[in-house]
Amino acid sequence: MQAKKADALRTEWGDRPCDHPALAKEYAEGKRTGDYVCTQCGAKVSFRERAEILASRRT
């Protein structure tokens, strides 16, 4: 997902809670940023945070 689209999602979503049901790789100017973004609320998630989210879903 493009960083600009994630920014727009974050603005629209506001500060409502989100369980981040789907995470996508973040891109800026056609290059990977190394972060992930929630496709629902636009929150930025680091590689480590993504691993923690995925691990918590397995239990």
C-alpha atoms as a PDB file:
ATOM      1  CA  MET A   1       0.000   0.000   0.000  1.00  0.00           C
ATOM      2  CA  GLN A   2       1.264   3.460  -0.815  1.00  0.00           C
ATOM      3  CA  ALA A   3       2.208   5.632   2.159  1.00  0.00           C
ATOM      4  CA  LYS A   4      -0.121   8.422   0.977  1.00  0.00           C
ATOM      5  CA  LYS A   5      -3.092   6.042   0.946  1.00  0.00           C
ATOM      6  CA  ALA A   6      -2.188   4.846   4.459  1.00  0.00           C
ATOM      7  CA  ASP A   7      -2.027   8.471   5.638  1.00  0.00           C
ATOM      8  CA  ALA A   8      -5.505   9.086   4.209  1.00  0.00           C
ATOM      9  CA  LEU A   9      -6.855   5.965   5.939  1.00  0.00           C
ATOM     10  CA  ARG A  10      -5.347   7.080   9.270  1.00  0.00           C
ATOM     11  CA  THR A  11      -7.012  10.476   8.918  1.00  0.00           C
ATOM     12  CA  GLU A  12     -10.400   8.953   8.071  1.00  0.00           C
ATOM     13  CA  TRP A  13     -10.179   6.311  10.811  1.00  0.00           C
ATOM     14  CA  GLY A  14      -9.267   8.747  13.566  1.00  0.00           C
ATOM     15  CA  ASP A  15      -8.488   7.299  16.980  1.00  0.00           C
ATOM     16  CA  ARG A  16     -11.034   4.485  16.981  1.00  0.00           C
ATOM     17  CA  PRO A  17      -9.645   1.111  18.089  1.00  0.00           C
ATOM     18  CA  CYS A  18      -8.603  -1.379  15.406  1.00  0.00           C
ATOM     19  CA  ASP A  19      -7.450  -4.990  15.660  1.00  0.00           C
ATOM     20  CA  HIS A  20      -5.477  -4.666  12.383  1.00  0.00           C
ATOM     21  CA  PRO A  21      -7.143  -7.565  10.523  1.00  0.00           C
ATOM     22  CA  ALA A  22      -4.832  -7.309   7.483  1.00  0.00           C
ATOM     23  CA  LEU A  23      -1.355  -5.841   7.090  1.00  0.00           C
ATOM     24  CA  ALA A  24       0.274  -4.814   3.808  1.00  0.00           C
ATOM     25  CA  LYS A  25       3.815  -3.780   2.916  1.00  0.00           C
ATOM     26  CA  GLU A  26       4.225  -0.001   2.801  1.00  0.00           C
ATOM     27  CA  TYR A  27       5.663   1.728  -0.282  1.00  0.00           C
ATOM     28  CA  ALA A  28       6.782   5.324  -0.767  1.00  0.00           C
ATOM     29  CA  GLU A  29       7.781   6.596  -4.198  1.00  0.00           C
ATOM     30  CA  GLY A  30       7.754   3.034  -5.517  1.00  0.00           C
ATOM     31  CA  LYS A  31      10.152   1.656  -2.899  1.00  0.00           C
ATOM     32  CA  ARG A  32       9.523  -0.442   0.201  1.00  0.00           C
ATOM     33  CA  THR A  33       9.790   1.487   3.446  1.00  0.00           C
ATOM     34  CA  GLY A  34      10.380  -1.626   5.575  1.00  0.00           C
ATOM     35  CA  ASP A  35       7.165  -1.038   7.506  1.00  0.00           C
ATOM     36  CA  TYR A  36       3.687  -2.481   7.199  1.00  0.00           C
ATOM     37  CA  VAL A  37       0.336  -0.716   7.336  1.00  0.00           C
ATOM     38  CA  CYS A  38      -3.078  -1.864   8.435  1.00  0.00           C
ATOM     39  CA  THR A  39      -5.379  -1.986   5.421  1.00  0.00           C
ATOM     40  CA  GLN A  40      -8.348  -1.024   7.597  1.00  0.00           C
ATOM     41  CA  CYS A  41      -7.094   1.921   9.694  1.00  0.00           C
ATOM     42  CA  GLY A  42      -3.776   2.838   8.029  1.00  0.00           C
ATOM     43  CA  ALA A  43      -1.668   2.399  11.198  1.00  0.00           C
ATOM     44  CA  LYS A  44       2.064   1.947  10.616  1.00  0.00           C
ATOM     45  CA  VAL A  45       3.429  -1.303  12.025  1.00  0.00           C
ATOM     46  CA  SER A  46       7.087  -2.284  12.196  1.00  0.00           C
ATOM     47  CA  PHE A  47       8.309  -5.743  11.181  1.00  0.00           C
ATOM     48  CA  ARG A  48       8.633  -6.661  14.856  1.00  0.00           C
ATOM     49  CA  GLU A  49       5.153  -5.378  15.750  1.00  0.00           C
ATOM     50  CA  ARG A  50       3.737  -7.343  12.811  1.00  0.00           C
ATOM     51  CA  ALA A  51       5.379 -10.512  14.098  1.00  0.00           C
ATOM     52  CA  GLU A  52       3.890  -9.901  17.552  1.00  0.00           C
ATOM     53  CA  ILE A  53       0.408  -9.306  16.100  1.00  0.00           C
ATOM     54  CA  LEU A  54       0.591 -12.479  14.019  1.00  0.00           C
ATOM     55  CA  ALA A  55       1.913 -14.513  16.966  1.00  0.00           C
ATOM     56  CA  SER A  56      -0.916 -13.317  19.202  1.00  0.00           C
ATOM     57  CA  ARG A  57      -3.463 -14.501  16.648  1.00  0.00           C
ATOM     58  CA  ARG A  58      -2.070 -18.040  16.702  1.00  0.00           C
ATOM     59  CA  THR A  59      -2.778 -18.515  20.404  1.00  0.00           C
END
